[in-house]
Amino acid sequence: MAVQVYIATSSGSTRIKKQQQDVLGFFTAVKINYEERDIAANEENRKWMRENVPENHRPATGNPLPPQIFNNSQYCGDYDAFFEARENNAVYAFLGLTAPPGSKEAEAQAKQNA
C-alpha cells in the first residue's frame, strides 16, 4: 500500500510548490511507495483531505494546505511535521512504516531497543 500525498498541481504559491517537491523528491530518493492525490483537479480529493485532517492540525483560519500526508486513512502530518521527522531521522515512524534494515532510522531504533 502506498502513502498518499495530497498536493495541488496548480498552486500559485511558490512555498507550497517547493514543499510538495521536497516531500515527493525525498520519497522517490528513499524509495517510499507513494501516490499523489491532486486537490486542485479533483474535488473529491480536496473534500476528503479537508475532512480527514484532524481538528487539532487545522489552521486557525481557512483550510489545511497541501502537502498533507496520509498512510491509508491515518493522518501522518503536513510539511512541517514531515520536515521535523526528516531532521530527526524518523520519517518511517512518522509514516507508520517499518524502517528498512541498514537505514539511519533502523539503526537508531536498534540502539534504543538494546
Protein backbone atom coordinates (compact mmCIF):
# COMPACT_ATOMS: atom_id res chain seq x y z
CA MET A 1 0.00 0.00 0.00
CA ALA A 2 1.27 3.46 -0.87
CA VAL A 3 1.44 6.56 1.29
CA GLN A 4 -0.92 9.25 -0.05
CA VAL A 5 0.39 12.79 -0.53
CA TYR A 6 -2.31 15.39 -1.15
CA ILE A 7 -0.91 18.08 -3.41
CA ALA A 8 -2.14 20.97 -5.56
CA THR A 9 -0.70 20.80 -9.07
CA SER A 10 -1.91 24.29 -9.92
CA SER A 11 -0.91 26.10 -6.73
CA GLY A 12 0.07 29.73 -7.18
CA SER A 13 2.21 29.57 -4.03
CA THR A 14 5.92 29.03 -4.62
CA ARG A 15 6.28 27.88 -0.99
CA ILE A 16 3.65 25.15 -1.43
CA LYS A 17 5.21 24.01 -4.73
CA LYS A 18 8.66 23.75 -3.10
CA GLN A 19 7.27 21.85 -0.10
CA GLN A 20 5.44 19.40 -2.37
CA GLN A 21 8.59 18.85 -4.46
CA ASP A 22 10.62 18.33 -1.28
CA VAL A 23 8.27 15.63 0.06
CA LEU A 24 7.86 13.82 -3.27
CA GLY A 25 11.57 14.07 -4.07
CA PHE A 26 12.50 12.61 -0.69
CA PHE A 27 10.03 9.73 -1.04
CA THR A 28 11.38 8.97 -4.52
CA ALA A 29 15.01 9.13 -3.34
CA VAL A 30 14.48 6.69 -0.46
CA LYS A 31 12.06 4.54 -2.47
CA ILE A 32 8.98 5.08 -0.30
CA ASN A 33 5.96 3.98 -2.31
CA TYR A 34 3.61 6.96 -2.61
CA GLU A 35 0.60 8.12 -4.54
CA GLU A 36 -0.09 11.75 -5.44
CA ARG A 37 -3.65 12.95 -4.93
CA ASP A 38 -4.31 16.27 -6.62
CA ILE A 39 -6.74 18.52 -4.75
CA ALA A 40 -6.69 21.18 -7.48
CA ALA A 41 -8.01 18.94 -10.24
CA ASN A 42 -10.18 16.60 -8.18
CA GLU A 43 -12.90 17.93 -5.89
CA GLU A 44 -13.31 14.54 -4.16
CA ASN A 45 -9.62 14.55 -3.17
CA ARG A 46 -9.91 18.11 -1.85
CA LYS A 47 -13.04 17.26 0.15
CA TRP A 48 -11.54 14.05 1.55
CA MET A 49 -8.31 15.76 2.60
CA ARG A 50 -10.09 18.64 4.32
CA GLU A 51 -12.44 16.31 6.17
CA ASN A 52 -9.68 13.95 7.34
CA VAL A 53 -7.08 16.37 8.65
CA PRO A 54 -7.66 16.16 12.44
CA GLU A 55 -9.15 19.21 14.12
CA ASN A 56 -6.01 19.87 16.17
CA HIS A 57 -3.90 20.01 12.97
CA ARG A 58 -6.05 22.51 11.12
CA PRO A 59 -5.06 26.15 10.74
CA ALA A 60 -6.85 28.67 12.96
CA THR A 61 -8.44 30.18 9.86
CA GLY A 62 -9.02 28.70 6.42
CA ASN A 63 -8.46 25.16 5.22
CA PRO A 64 -5.45 22.86 5.58
CA LEU A 65 -2.97 23.45 2.76
CA PRO A 66 -1.02 20.85 0.82
CA PRO A 67 1.08 18.87 1.12
CA GLN A 68 -0.83 16.69 3.59
CA ILE A 69 0.40 13.14 4.14
CA PHE A 70 -1.67 10.06 4.99
CA ASN A 71 -0.96 6.35 5.30
CA ASN A 72 -4.25 4.81 4.20
CA SER A 73 -6.77 6.87 6.15
CA GLN A 74 -4.32 7.50 9.02
CA TYR A 75 -3.19 11.13 9.12
CA CYS A 76 0.61 11.47 9.31
CA GLY A 77 1.02 15.23 9.08
CA ASP A 78 1.76 18.28 7.00
CA TYR A 79 5.04 19.57 5.58
CA ASP A 80 6.28 20.95 8.90
CA ALA A 81 5.74 17.61 10.65
CA PHE A 82 7.42 15.78 7.74
CA PHE A 83 10.39 18.18 7.84
CA GLU A 84 10.83 17.66 11.58
CA ALA A 85 10.64 13.86 11.18
CA ARG A 86 13.22 14.01 8.39
CA GLU A 87 15.57 16.15 10.51
CA ASN A 88 15.26 13.62 13.35
CA ASN A 89 15.76 10.57 11.08
CA ALA A 90 12.24 9.44 11.97
CA VAL A 91 10.39 9.57 8.62
CA TYR A 92 9.39 5.90 8.65
CA ALA A 93 7.95 6.21 12.16
CA PHE A 94 6.18 9.43 11.05
CA LEU A 95 4.62 7.50 8.17
CA GLY A 96 3.76 4.44 10.28
CA LEU A 97 6.17 2.31 8.25
CA THR A 98 8.97 -0.05 9.27
CA ALA A 99 12.39 1.45 8.63
CA PRO A 100 14.43 -0.62 6.16
CA PRO A 101 17.40 -2.53 7.58
CA GLY A 102 20.61 -0.51 7.42
CA SER A 103 18.86 2.87 7.40
CA LYS A 104 19.82 5.53 9.96
CA GLU A 105 16.35 5.24 11.44
CA ALA A 106 16.56 1.44 11.81
CA GLU A 107 19.98 1.79 13.46
CA ALA A 108 18.64 4.42 15.89
CA GLN A 109 15.69 2.16 16.78
CA ALA A 110 18.02 -0.79 17.36
CA LYS A 111 20.15 1.32 19.76
CA GLN A 112 17.02 2.40 21.67
CA ASN A 113 15.84 -1.20 21.98
CA ALA A 114 19.26 -2.52 23.10
